[in-house]
């Protein structure tokens, strides 16, 4: 049997060679470790979406506060001079 090139798999050993030269067996990606990876990815996606929603809500409040501060500073600057 010939040596597989980078990225090819052999019949006896279904491996994939990554760009860095590390080998990964396909069944290792599909076992419980792969399930953990999917779960962590879903949690990360949820955290990102929750963070984006929170930033949108906080952004509106910050904009309102900034408008109030800006108008008060403008009033103080116009009456003080």
Protein backbone atom coordinates (compact mmCIF):
# COMPACT_ATOMS: atom_id res chain seq x y z
CA UNK A 1 0.00 0.00 0.00
CA UNK A 2 1.39 3.39 -0.93
CA UNK A 3 1.86 6.24 1.49
CA UNK A 4 -1.07 8.65 1.37
CA UNK A 5 -0.49 12.24 0.44
CA UNK A 6 -1.40 15.07 2.74
CA UNK A 7 -5.16 15.10 3.26
CA UNK A 8 -5.76 11.61 1.86
CA UNK A 9 -7.01 8.69 3.90
CA UNK A 10 -5.99 5.06 3.68
CA UNK A 11 -8.43 2.16 3.90
CA UNK A 12 -6.83 0.60 6.94
CA UNK A 13 -6.62 3.80 8.89
CA UNK A 14 -9.13 6.55 8.09
CA UNK A 15 -6.97 9.54 8.91
CA UNK A 16 -6.86 13.06 7.75
CA UNK A 17 -3.58 14.95 7.88
CA UNK A 18 -4.03 18.58 8.81
CA UNK A 19 -1.96 21.45 7.49
CA UNK A 20 0.30 21.34 10.55
CA UNK A 21 0.99 17.64 10.02
CA UNK A 22 -1.19 16.39 12.88
CA UNK A 23 -3.24 13.33 12.15
CA UNK A 24 -6.85 13.03 13.21
CA UNK A 25 -8.88 9.88 13.00
CA UNK A 26 -12.36 10.44 11.68
CA UNK A 27 -13.99 8.38 14.42
CA UNK A 28 -12.25 10.56 17.02
CA UNK A 29 -14.18 13.53 15.68
CA UNK A 30 -17.46 11.68 15.98
CA UNK A 31 -17.08 10.26 19.51
CA UNK A 32 -17.99 11.97 22.79
CA UNK A 33 -15.19 14.49 22.38
CA UNK A 34 -16.87 15.73 19.24
CA UNK A 35 -20.12 16.00 21.15
CA UNK A 36 -18.40 18.18 23.76
CA UNK A 37 -17.06 20.40 20.98
CA UNK A 38 -20.55 20.86 19.55
CA UNK A 39 -22.00 21.61 22.98
CA UNK A 40 -19.34 24.21 23.73
CA UNK A 41 -19.88 25.76 20.30
CA UNK A 42 -23.62 26.05 20.96
CA UNK A 43 -22.98 27.62 24.36
CA UNK A 44 -20.55 30.09 22.78
CA UNK A 45 -23.12 31.00 20.11
CA UNK A 46 -25.76 31.57 22.81
CA UNK A 47 -23.41 33.78 24.83
CA UNK A 48 -22.57 35.82 21.72
CA UNK A 49 -26.24 36.31 20.86
CA UNK A 50 -27.12 37.24 24.45
CA UNK A 51 -24.21 39.68 24.53
CA UNK A 52 -25.30 41.29 21.28
CA UNK A 53 -28.87 41.66 22.56
CA UNK A 54 -27.61 43.18 25.81
CA UNK A 55 -25.37 45.62 23.96
CA UNK A 56 -28.28 46.74 21.79
CA UNK A 57 -30.45 47.36 24.87
CA UNK A 58 -27.67 49.12 26.77
CA UNK A 59 -26.73 51.13 23.69
CA UNK A 60 -30.14 52.79 23.60
CA UNK A 61 -29.85 53.75 27.28
CA UNK A 62 -26.34 55.09 26.79
CA UNK A 63 -27.52 57.14 23.84
CA UNK A 64 -30.32 58.68 25.93
CA UNK A 65 -27.93 59.47 28.79
CA UNK A 66 -25.37 60.96 26.39
CA UNK A 67 -28.05 63.22 24.90
CA UNK A 68 -29.01 64.49 28.37
CA UNK A 69 -25.39 65.13 29.36
CA UNK A 70 -24.69 66.83 26.04
CA UNK A 71 -27.65 69.18 26.36
CA UNK A 72 -26.76 70.07 29.97
CA UNK A 73 -23.16 70.77 29.02
CA UNK A 74 -24.33 72.95 26.14
CA UNK A 75 -26.64 74.88 28.52
CA UNK A 76 -23.85 75.32 31.06
CA UNK A 77 -21.43 76.50 28.38
CA UNK A 78 -23.91 79.01 26.94
CA UNK A 79 -24.93 80.49 30.32
CA UNK A 80 -21.39 80.58 31.70
CA UNK A 81 -19.89 82.68 28.97
